Every structure is written in structure tokens, then in C-alpha cells.
Amino acid sequence: MSPLTNHARAAGLILILSSTSRVLAAPGEPPPAVPGVALSHHHSSAPPLLPGLPTSDPNGDPVALPTEGEDRIDATFGRGVRFLSAERDFQLQFRGRLQPRFLTELAASGDRSVSEFVIRRARLAFLGRFQDSWELYLQLGFSHEDNEPDYYNPIRDATLTYGVLRDAMIRVGQGKVPFDRQRTNSSSALQFADRSIVMTELTLDRDVGVQVFSENLGGWGGILGYNVGLFSGDGRNRLATNSGLLVALRIWTSPFGEFDANVESDLSRGRTLRLAWGFAAAKNFDTVRPKSTTGETYEASSFDYTHLTTDLHLKWRGFSWLSEALYRRADTDSETHLVDGAPLTEFSRSAWGFFTQAGYLWTEHFETAARYGELFPIGQTDPALLHERELGSAINYYLSGHNLKITVDYFFVTRGDDWDGTHQARVQTQLYF
């Protein structure tokens, strides 16, 4: 058979495969790629870097898709340093964040005061996306506040995500448990210097496990999403000492369409109403930590915790409103064990609470906000867990959005029957390159 005949047959086979692929393609979608056949520009509408991957990283920060061009290194404030391939099938991003803070506290009675400078957060984050469907994310925290008092380990997030299926993406590794919104949102995008005291007590922190999720279930433009996960239940950077596991489910809807619900302020000052509502439930079996996934490990006890939460987030023309209610209940209030021949009683921590906060962006740079929160112990729980209230306000000055901002906030916090309470003021700067 002559070489000319072989070339003719090969060309014919390629044309047949190309035609078949166009028949099999769904309406409105480009045909599947055929080896050796380049699609025309008319059909090349989506970037090779899979658009089905999440629009934000596992910490809640947005991820910018690369643009066409040659292999290059791109350094942009607010996006970090990025290494991009010409084919847009590989992206490696490096970002750093620093939050210096001045804190002063004064008891209303005047008998106690604290003033200090601290580095609230010092983070480095690495994000890699490759082969159209894989994402690798690593975040390290180096400040004292970034680590637990009984165990130093800088690893906060270490996850691998497979995003080939829009409705069932898979993520494995250590990261945030999908529970309440304020916790799953990045601490870089808060309206105050820190999260609510209610969320701090009742949230579920980072853990190691696997989750299946979607940010655009059904392809309806981000109107509906979900997360379902199975975790070790012991928190981040811990080796399990029992057989208990944590199961979590979160569903949410944005009925008016997708928006930046993972950012507390309405920096875009959009003219349309944007709203997100979420609900989550979790069960942590046989945990050895008093706050389910955080707190110093019990010496001899373990408890089963049931967690529930619901949240509402609204934005409109510079106005933003976020409210959450959270609930945590243990299967029993306490356990007593013999330790070194002496009885030891250890308490669980059951409580519920809520907070609500609202802010208004007066100009592109200037925002004011207010928050109220309250925490209620349940049953004969840990005597150290008291009824708490917080009432505060904040001023934000955005030099470059959340990437470069100054936050000043004030809170009056009461605990138990002490209505005298504590005055707390914080001044915090954030640099996020």
C-alpha cells in the first residue's frame, strides 16, 4: 500500500472521528477533543483550567483563572505570585498574609487591664491547579494565635481536590469542616478584627477527612450547593486515639444567583439584592475534646456531640447583613473516672447561641459595622461555660479592598451574672499580597 493511500485513510479517519464527536456533543457545548485535531476558535469558549473547580480556594479566598498567553510569572498585589503555562493547564499561586494587632482590655470595675501588640495571623498559602481537574492547596500559619497551645504545628490546610464532576467534586486532606458560614469564610474577608465569640465557642474547626461537594449543583448558576463529609473528629494535626468519626452535611442556596457570599462586606456595592441561606448538621462520635474538635484533650472521657446551625447573608447597595444561630449538645453532661486511684469528673460543653451583624460601605474605602451576639449554656454543662454577651462596632478603611485594610473595633463583653463586663478595643492592619 502506497504512503499516499495511508495518508488519505488517516485523514479520512480523523474527519469521521471529528464529525462523530460533533454529533455526540451536547447542545451548546464544544465537541470532545480528537487527538491531532485542533478545535476552531468558535468552539473554544472555556479555558482548559477546568471551570468546574471551585471559584475559591479551600480557605474561602477567590481564585483568578489564568488568561491565554506564553508561559510566564505574574506578580500582582492581591493575587500573589503566579506561575502560569501558555496552555492554561497549569497554575501555581503563592500568597502571604499578615495581621498585626493592638489589643487593649479594661474591666468595667477598673481592677484589671491588658494592653498588648500581637501578630494575630501570619500565613503563607500555596495553590496549584493542573491537568484540568486537580487542585492542591497548602496553608501554613506561623503566629502564636495560629497554633493550639498544647501542640505546635504550622499546617492549617493540606488538601487535594478532584473537580471533574461539577455536581460531585471530591476533596481529601485537612481543611475546614463545612459547617457555619463565618467559619468557612476566610479570616481575610471579615468585617471585624475577628469572628464572633459565639462562633468561636460553637463552630467546628479544621479536621482531616474526605468530602464531596458542589458549588453549582445542577448547573443553575450557583443557586444551590452542598457539602457532605466524613472526618476523624479530633481536629487538625491530631492522631486519633479512638474510633469515633465526625459526619457533616451542609446545604445552601443563593436564590438570586451566585455572588461573593464568602466576603462579609459589600465591597462591590451591587445594585441587585443578593442573598444566601445555609443549614448544616453534624455528629461527632466519641470525641475526646471539649469543644468537639478543639480544646485540651480529656484525660479519660469522651462524648458524642450533635451540632446544628443556620445562617443568612444579605447584600444590597453597600449594605451587608450576616446572622447565624448555632447549637451543640453532648450526649451526657459529665463523666467520672478513676485516674491514679482518685475520681476525676470531666464535663462536656453544651450550648447554643446566635449573633447578628450589619455594615454599610459609605464610600469605596470607608465602612461602619455593628454586631450583637449571645451564648447560652445548656443543662448541667461545664461550670466554666458561662452565659456571654457581646455588643460592638467597627470602622474599616479599605486601601485596596480586604488585601490592604485597617480595622478598628470596640466590644463590650459580659460573662455570667457579671454585668460590669469588659471593654475591649482592637486596631488591626491586614496586608494580603
Protein backbone atom coordinates (compact mmCIF):
# COMPACT_ATOMS: atom_id res chain seq x y z
CA MET A 1 0.00 0.00 0.00
CA SER A 2 1.46 3.39 -1.02
CA PRO A 3 2.26 6.14 1.53
CA LEU A 4 -0.25 8.37 -0.28
CA THR A 5 -3.01 5.83 0.35
CA ASN A 6 -2.07 5.58 4.06
CA HIS A 7 -2.21 9.37 4.44
CA ALA A 8 -5.58 9.51 2.72
CA ARG A 9 -7.01 6.82 5.01
CA ALA A 10 -5.66 8.57 8.12
CA ALA A 11 -7.16 11.86 7.02
CA GLY A 12 -10.48 10.19 6.38
CA LEU A 13 -10.48 8.53 9.83
CA ILE A 14 -9.77 11.86 11.52
CA LEU A 15 -12.62 13.52 9.62
CA ILE A 16 -15.02 10.73 10.65
CA LEU A 17 -13.98 10.99 14.33
CA SER A 18 -14.33 14.76 14.24
CA SER A 19 -17.81 14.58 12.72
CA THR A 20 -18.91 11.91 15.22
CA SER A 21 -17.69 14.00 18.14
CA ARG A 22 -19.79 16.94 16.92
CA VAL A 23 -22.87 14.73 16.79
CA LEU A 24 -22.28 13.38 20.31
CA ALA A 25 -21.63 16.78 21.86
CA ALA A 26 -24.46 18.19 23.96
CA PRO A 27 -26.24 21.27 22.56
CA GLY A 28 -24.34 24.44 23.35
CA GLU A 29 -21.17 22.54 24.36
CA PRO A 30 -17.96 22.21 22.34
CA PRO A 31 -17.33 18.76 20.87
CA PRO A 32 -14.94 16.38 22.61
CA ALA A 33 -11.34 16.82 21.53
CA VAL A 34 -9.99 14.46 18.91
CA PRO A 35 -6.27 13.68 19.01
CA GLY A 36 -4.50 15.61 16.30
CA VAL A 37 -7.48 17.86 15.51
CA ALA A 38 -7.47 21.40 16.86
CA LEU A 39 -10.88 22.92 17.58
CA SER A 40 -11.62 26.21 15.91
CA HIS A 41 -11.76 29.38 17.98
CA HIS A 42 -15.55 29.37 17.55
CA HIS A 43 -15.82 26.25 19.71
CA SER A 44 -13.08 27.08 22.25
CA SER A 45 -15.11 29.01 24.82
CA ALA A 46 -13.94 27.52 28.15
CA PRO A 47 -10.36 27.65 29.46
CA PRO A 48 -8.53 24.32 29.81
CA LEU A 49 -8.11 25.09 33.52
CA LEU A 50 -11.31 23.35 34.46
CA PRO A 51 -14.06 25.87 35.24
CA GLY A 52 -15.74 23.15 37.30
CA LEU A 53 -13.10 23.57 40.02
CA PRO A 54 -14.24 25.81 42.91
CA THR A 55 -14.17 29.55 42.33
CA SER A 56 -12.47 29.94 45.72
CA ASP A 57 -9.71 28.03 47.47
CA PRO A 58 -10.43 25.74 50.47
CA ASN A 59 -9.88 28.70 52.80
CA GLY A 60 -12.59 30.76 51.07
CA ASP A 61 -10.41 33.18 49.09
CA PRO A 62 -11.26 33.74 45.38
CA VAL A 63 -9.10 32.16 42.69
CA ALA A 64 -8.47 34.02 39.42
CA LEU A 65 -8.41 31.95 36.24
CA PRO A 66 -5.31 32.40 34.06
CA THR A 67 -5.51 34.12 30.67
CA GLU A 68 -4.11 32.96 27.36
CA GLY A 69 -0.52 33.73 26.52
CA GLU A 70 3.00 32.44 26.88
CA ASP A 71 4.48 30.70 29.90
CA ARG A 72 5.06 33.43 32.42
CA ILE A 73 5.42 34.52 36.02
CA ASP A 74 2.82 37.03 37.12
CA ALA A 75 3.11 39.10 40.31
CA THR A 76 0.02 41.15 41.17
CA PHE A 77 -0.94 42.66 44.50
CA GLY A 78 -3.99 40.80 45.79
CA ARG A 79 -3.26 37.74 43.67
CA GLY A 80 0.25 36.95 44.83
CA VAL A 81 2.91 35.39 42.65
CA ARG A 82 1.57 33.06 39.96
CA PHE A 83 3.35 30.69 37.61
CA LEU A 84 1.21 30.14 34.51
CA SER A 85 1.56 27.85 31.50
CA ALA A 86 0.74 29.07 27.99
CA GLU A 87 -1.88 26.34 27.57
CA ARG A 88 -3.56 27.42 30.83
CA ASP A 89 -3.47 23.83 32.08
CA PHE A 90 -1.14 24.61 34.98
CA GLN A 91 -1.22 27.35 37.60
CA LEU A 92 0.81 27.69 40.79
CA GLN A 93 -0.02 30.56 43.13
CA PHE A 94 1.81 31.79 46.22
CA ARG A 95 0.29 34.30 48.67
CA GLY A 96 1.20 35.71 52.07
CA ARG A 97 -0.88 37.43 54.74
CA LEU A 98 -0.03 39.36 57.91
CA GLN A 99 -2.35 40.78 60.59
CA PRO A 100 -0.57 42.91 63.22
CA ARG A 101 -2.93 43.89 66.06
CA PHE A 102 -3.00 46.16 69.08
CA LEU A 103 -5.41 44.97 71.77
CA THR A 104 -6.48 46.62 74.99
CA GLU A 105 -8.96 45.29 77.55
CA LEU A 106 -10.28 47.04 80.64
CA ALA A 107 -12.64 45.54 83.19
CA ALA A 108 -15.58 47.88 83.85
CA SER A 109 -14.79 47.61 87.56
CA GLY A 110 -11.32 49.01 86.83
CA ASP A 111 -9.48 46.21 88.67
CA ARG A 112 -7.96 44.57 85.59
CA SER A 113 -6.46 45.79 82.33
CA VAL A 114 -4.42 44.29 79.49
CA SER A 115 -2.66 46.00 76.59
CA GLU A 116 -0.50 44.21 74.04
CA PHE A 117 0.75 44.08 70.48
CA VAL A 118 0.36 40.70 68.77
CA ILE A 119 0.63 39.13 65.35
CA ARG A 120 -2.86 37.71 65.08
CA ARG A 121 -2.20 35.83 61.85
CA ALA A 122 0.90 35.19 59.75
CA ARG A 123 0.07 32.89 56.85
CA LEU A 124 1.59 31.50 53.67
CA ALA A 125 -0.66 29.80 51.13
CA PHE A 126 0.19 27.73 48.05
CA LEU A 127 -2.41 26.81 45.43
CA GLY A 128 -1.73 24.56 42.43
CA ARG A 129 -4.21 23.68 39.69
CA PHE A 130 -3.25 21.25 36.96
CA GLN A 131 -4.42 18.74 34.34
CA ASP A 132 -7.79 20.48 34.04
CA SER A 133 -9.29 18.90 37.16
CA TRP A 134 -6.85 18.74 40.09
CA GLU A 135 -6.18 21.26 42.84
CA LEU A 136 -3.53 21.13 45.56
CA TYR A 137 -3.79 23.60 48.45
CA LEU A 138 -1.42 24.15 51.36
CA GLN A 139 -1.69 26.87 54.02
CA LEU A 140 0.77 27.40 56.86
CA GLY A 141 0.27 29.53 59.97
CA PHE A 142 3.23 30.79 62.00
CA SER A 143 1.87 33.14 64.66
CA HIS A 144 1.23 32.08 68.24
CA GLU A 145 -2.50 32.62 67.69
CA ASP A 146 -2.40 30.38 64.61
CA ASN A 147 -1.47 27.36 66.72
CA GLU A 148 -3.06 25.42 69.54
CA PRO A 149 -1.47 25.95 72.98
CA ASP A 150 -0.75 22.26 73.60
CA TYR A 151 0.60 21.37 70.16
CA TYR A 152 2.59 23.48 67.68
CA ASN A 153 2.16 22.56 64.03
CA PRO A 154 2.09 25.22 61.29
CA ILE A 155 -0.04 23.16 58.87
CA ARG A 156 -3.54 24.59 58.73
CA ASP A 157 -4.75 23.30 55.36
CA ALA A 158 -3.41 20.49 53.20
CA THR A 159 -5.99 19.31 50.66
CA LEU A 160 -6.24 17.66 47.26
CA THR A 161 -9.37 18.34 45.19
CA TYR A 162 -10.60 16.44 42.13
CA GLY A 163 -13.10 18.55 40.22
CA VAL A 164 -14.01 16.64 37.08
CA LEU A 165 -17.68 16.38 38.12
CA ARG A 166 -19.44 19.69 38.69
CA ASP A 167 -22.07 18.13 40.97
CA ALA A 168 -19.72 15.86 42.92
CA MET A 169 -16.25 17.28 43.43
CA ILE A 170 -14.05 15.36 45.85
CA ARG A 171 -11.67 16.85 48.42
CA VAL A 172 -9.38 14.90 50.76
CA GLY A 173 -6.97 16.09 53.44
CA GLN A 174 -7.01 18.61 56.26
CA GLY A 175 -9.24 21.66 55.97
CA LYS A 176 -12.30 23.43 57.30
CA VAL A 177 -15.27 21.25 58.22
CA PRO A 178 -18.23 22.53 56.13
CA PHE A 179 -20.42 23.92 58.90
CA ASP A 180 -21.25 27.59 59.62
CA ARG A 181 -20.62 30.38 57.13
CA GLN A 182 -18.50 32.73 59.24
CA ARG A 183 -16.04 29.94 59.96
CA THR A 184 -15.81 28.65 56.39
CA ASN A 185 -15.28 32.20 55.12
CA SER A 186 -11.67 33.33 55.13
CA SER A 187 -10.46 35.37 58.09
CA SER A 188 -9.01 37.73 55.47
CA ALA A 189 -12.54 38.86 54.49
CA LEU A 190 -14.10 39.66 57.88
CA GLN A 191 -15.95 42.86 58.80
CA PHE A 192 -14.44 42.96 62.30
CA ALA A 193 -10.96 42.23 63.60
CA ASP A 194 -12.13 38.70 64.42
CA ARG A 195 -15.11 36.37 64.42
CA SER A 196 -17.95 36.35 66.95
CA ILE A 197 -17.40 34.82 70.41
CA VAL A 198 -20.48 32.65 69.73
CA MET A 199 -18.94 31.18 66.60
CA THR A 200 -15.60 30.69 68.36
CA GLU A 201 -17.25 28.53 71.02
CA LEU A 202 -19.72 26.54 68.89
CA THR A 203 -18.13 26.14 65.46
CA LEU A 204 -16.39 23.08 64.05
CA ASP A 205 -12.76 23.77 63.25
CA ARG A 206 -10.43 22.16 60.73
CA ASP A 207 -10.21 18.38 60.60
CA VAL A 208 -8.79 15.60 58.42
CA GLY A 209 -11.13 13.67 56.16
CA VAL A 210 -12.92 13.49 52.83
CA GLN A 211 -15.84 15.47 51.47
CA VAL A 212 -17.99 15.54 48.34
CA PHE A 213 -19.39 18.92 47.35
CA SER A 214 -20.70 21.21 44.64
CA GLU A 215 -20.80 25.00 44.36
CA ASN A 216 -23.15 24.87 41.37
CA LEU A 217 -25.43 21.87 41.81
CA GLY A 218 -27.41 21.18 38.65
CA GLY A 219 -25.61 23.92 36.72
CA TRP A 220 -28.16 26.56 37.76
CA GLY A 221 -25.70 29.42 38.09
CA GLY A 222 -24.64 28.87 41.70
CA ILE A 223 -28.17 28.90 43.09
CA LEU A 224 -27.73 25.64 45.02
CA GLY A 225 -24.77 23.91 46.65
CA TYR A 226 -23.92 21.27 49.22
CA ASN A 227 -21.10 19.62 51.18
CA VAL A 228 -21.11 16.19 52.81
CA GLY A 229 -18.03 14.97 54.64
CA LEU A 230 -16.55 12.30 56.88
CA PHE A 231 -13.73 13.37 59.21
CA SER A 232 -11.62 11.96 62.03
CA GLY A 233 -13.39 14.16 64.60
CA ASP A 234 -10.23 15.04 66.53
CA GLY A 235 -9.38 18.36 64.89
CA ARG A 236 -6.35 19.48 62.93
CA ASN A 237 -2.89 17.95 63.24
CA ARG A 238 -4.05 15.22 65.62
CA LEU A 239 -3.60 11.47 65.71
CA ALA A 240 -6.83 9.65 66.55
CA THR A 241 -6.92 7.98 69.96
CA ASN A 242 -10.34 6.37 69.50
CA SER A 243 -12.65 5.01 66.81
CA GLY A 244 -15.05 7.96 66.71
CA LEU A 245 -15.70 9.88 63.48
CA LEU A 246 -17.35 13.18 62.53
CA VAL A 247 -20.10 13.31 59.89
CA ALA A 248 -21.14 16.70 58.49
CA LEU A 249 -23.71 17.91 55.95
CA ARG A 250 -24.20 21.47 54.71
CA ILE A 251 -26.66 22.76 52.10
CA TRP A 252 -27.05 26.33 50.93
CA THR A 253 -28.92 28.34 48.36
CA SER A 254 -28.44 31.74 46.70
CA PRO A 255 -31.91 32.20 45.15
CA PHE A 256 -30.99 35.37 43.24
CA GLY A 257 -27.80 33.93 41.78
CA GLU A 258 -24.17 33.40 42.72
CA PHE A 259 -22.30 36.20 44.50
CA ASP A 260 -19.35 36.73 46.85
CA ALA A 261 -21.08 35.32 49.94
CA ASN A 262 -17.67 34.35 51.34
CA VAL A 263 -16.85 38.07 51.80
CA GLU A 264 -18.70 39.77 54.67
CA SER A 265 -18.70 43.34 53.31
CA ASP A 266 -20.46 44.51 50.14
CA LEU A 267 -17.36 45.97 48.51
CA SER A 268 -18.94 45.87 45.04
CA ARG A 269 -21.96 47.93 46.21
CA GLY A 270 -24.07 45.94 43.76
CA ARG A 271 -27.47 47.34 42.79
CA THR A 272 -29.24 43.97 42.91
CA LEU A 273 -30.30 42.14 46.05
CA ARG A 274 -28.06 39.16 46.83
CA LEU A 275 -28.93 36.58 49.46
CA ALA A 276 -27.55 33.27 50.71
CA TRP A 277 -29.16 30.93 53.22
CA GLY A 278 -27.47 27.85 54.64
CA PHE A 279 -28.16 24.98 57.01
CA ALA A 280 -25.75 22.42 58.43
CA ALA A 281 -25.85 19.43 60.76
CA ALA A 282 -23.03 17.33 62.16
CA LYS A 283 -22.46 14.46 64.58
CA ASN A 284 -19.13 13.87 66.28
CA PHE A 285 -18.89 10.43 67.85
CA ASP A 286 -16.67 9.64 70.81
CA THR A 287 -14.66 12.87 70.71
CA VAL A 288 -12.00 13.49 73.34
CA ARG A 289 -12.05 17.29 73.06
CA PRO A 290 -14.45 19.57 74.99
CA LYS A 291 -15.40 21.78 72.02
CA SER A 292 -15.81 18.75 69.75
CA THR A 293 -12.79 19.47 67.50
CA THR A 294 -10.88 21.93 69.71
CA GLY A 295 -9.83 22.33 73.33
CA GLU A 296 -7.39 20.45 75.55
CA THR A 297 -7.79 16.68 75.32
CA TYR A 298 -9.71 14.93 78.09
CA GLU A 299 -7.71 12.65 80.37
CA ALA A 300 -10.23 9.80 80.46
CA SER A 301 -13.58 10.91 78.98
CA SER A 302 -15.21 11.09 75.57
CA PHE A 303 -18.58 12.44 74.41
CA ASP A 304 -20.91 12.37 71.41
CA TYR A 305 -21.82 15.84 70.15
CA THR A 306 -24.73 16.91 67.94
CA HIS A 307 -24.22 20.16 66.01
CA LEU A 308 -26.77 22.32 64.16
CA THR A 309 -26.52 25.74 62.54
CA THR A 310 -28.32 28.04 60.14
CA ASP A 311 -27.08 31.29 58.60
CA LEU A 312 -28.38 34.12 56.43
CA HIS A 313 -26.24 36.54 54.43
CA LEU A 314 -27.63 39.52 52.51
CA LYS A 315 -26.05 42.29 50.42
CA TRP A 316 -27.56 45.29 48.65
CA ARG A 317 -26.10 48.62 47.51
CA GLY A 318 -23.25 48.61 50.05
CA PHE A 319 -25.36 47.22 52.89
CA SER A 320 -24.47 43.78 54.27
CA TRP A 321 -26.12 41.64 56.93
CA LEU A 322 -24.95 38.31 58.35
CA SER A 323 -26.76 36.31 61.05
CA GLU A 324 -26.11 32.84 62.45
CA ALA A 325 -27.61 30.56 65.09
CA LEU A 326 -25.55 27.62 66.37
CA TYR A 327 -26.31 24.65 68.65
CA ARG A 328 -24.10 21.99 70.24
CA ARG A 329 -25.37 19.29 72.61
CA ALA A 330 -23.45 16.41 74.23
CA ASP A 331 -24.98 13.01 74.93
CA THR A 332 -24.23 13.48 78.64
CA ASP A 333 -23.19 16.39 80.85
CA SER A 334 -20.20 14.74 82.51
CA GLU A 335 -18.26 11.53 83.11
CA THR A 336 -16.40 10.37 86.21
CA HIS A 337 -13.42 8.01 86.02
CA LEU A 338 -10.77 6.72 88.38
CA VAL A 339 -7.40 8.21 87.47
CA ASP A 340 -4.44 7.12 89.59
CA GLY A 341 -6.88 5.80 92.17
CA ALA A 342 -8.77 9.10 92.52
CA PRO A 343 -12.14 10.02 90.96
CA LEU A 344 -11.93 12.54 88.12
CA THR A 345 -15.03 14.27 86.74
CA GLU A 346 -14.79 15.81 83.28
CA PHE A 347 -17.55 17.95 81.74
CA SER A 348 -18.81 18.28 78.21
CA ARG A 349 -19.74 21.71 76.79
CA SER A 350 -23.34 22.04 75.61
CA ALA A 351 -24.65 25.43 74.49
CA TRP A 352 -26.48 27.37 71.84
CA GLY A 353 -26.13 30.93 70.66
CA PHE A 354 -26.60 33.46 67.91
CA PHE A 355 -25.05 36.60 66.51
CA THR A 356 -26.13 39.21 64.01
CA GLN A 357 -24.02 41.88 62.36
CA ALA A 358 -24.61 44.54 59.73
CA GLY A 359 -22.42 47.01 57.90
CA TYR A 360 -22.61 49.77 55.34
CA LEU A 361 -19.95 50.81 52.85
CA TRP A 362 -20.30 54.60 52.69
CA THR A 363 -17.58 55.09 50.08
CA GLU A 364 -15.20 52.85 48.20
CA HIS A 365 -12.87 52.97 51.20
CA PHE A 366 -14.95 53.61 54.33
CA GLU A 367 -17.28 51.19 56.15
CA THR A 368 -19.01 51.03 59.53
CA ALA A 369 -20.47 47.91 61.14
CA ALA A 370 -22.16 46.67 64.33
CA ARG A 371 -22.58 43.24 65.94
CA TYR A 372 -24.53 41.65 68.77
CA GLY A 373 -24.09 38.06 69.97
CA GLU A 374 -25.21 35.91 72.89
CA LEU A 375 -24.19 32.46 74.15
CA PHE A 376 -26.39 30.25 76.39
CA PRO A 377 -25.16 27.14 78.27
CA ILE A 378 -27.45 24.08 78.18
CA GLY A 379 -28.12 21.76 81.13
CA GLN A 380 -25.57 20.85 83.80
CA THR A 381 -22.69 21.51 81.44
CA ASP A 382 -19.12 22.62 82.19
CA PRO A 383 -19.30 25.21 85.02
CA ALA A 384 -16.62 27.19 83.20
CA LEU A 385 -19.01 27.69 80.25
CA LEU A 386 -20.97 30.83 81.14
CA HIS A 387 -23.69 32.95 79.60
CA GLU A 388 -21.89 35.52 77.43
CA ARG A 389 -22.94 38.61 75.52
CA GLU A 390 -21.08 40.83 73.06
CA LEU A 391 -22.04 44.21 71.67
CA GLY A 392 -19.67 46.08 69.41
CA SER A 393 -19.00 48.28 66.42
CA ALA A 394 -16.26 48.58 63.82
CA ILE A 395 -14.76 51.00 61.34
CA ASN A 396 -12.94 49.72 58.26
CA TYR A 397 -10.73 51.72 55.94
CA TYR A 398 -10.00 49.81 52.73
CA LEU A 399 -6.91 51.00 50.90
CA SER A 400 -7.14 48.08 48.46
CA GLY A 401 -10.20 46.06 49.43
CA HIS A 402 -9.53 43.36 52.01
CA ASN A 403 -5.99 42.96 50.70
CA LEU A 404 -4.86 46.15 52.44
CA LYS A 405 -7.12 47.50 55.17
CA ILE A 406 -7.23 48.96 58.67
CA THR A 407 -9.89 47.78 61.13
CA VAL A 408 -10.75 49.47 64.42
CA ASP A 409 -13.40 47.81 66.58
CA TYR A 410 -14.78 48.07 70.11
CA PHE A 411 -16.74 45.47 72.12
CA PHE A 412 -18.40 45.32 75.50
CA VAL A 413 -18.40 41.68 76.66
CA THR A 414 -20.15 40.26 79.72
CA ARG A 415 -19.82 36.78 81.26
CA GLY A 416 -22.25 35.10 83.64
CA ASP A 417 -24.03 37.39 86.08
CA ASP A 418 -21.28 39.99 85.86
CA TRP A 419 -22.98 42.86 84.05
CA ASP A 420 -19.95 45.03 84.69
CA GLY A 421 -18.23 43.22 81.84
CA THR A 422 -15.07 44.07 79.93
CA HIS A 423 -14.32 46.84 77.44
CA GLN A 424 -12.23 45.62 74.51
CA ALA A 425 -10.68 47.70 71.73
CA ARG A 426 -8.64 46.42 68.78
CA VAL A 427 -6.71 48.11 65.99
CA GLN A 428 -5.65 45.73 63.23
CA THR A 429 -3.95 46.08 59.87
CA GLN A 430 -4.06 43.44 57.17
CA LEU A 431 -1.64 43.03 54.28
CA TYR A 432 -2.53 40.22 51.88
CA PHE A 433 -0.34 40.20 48.79
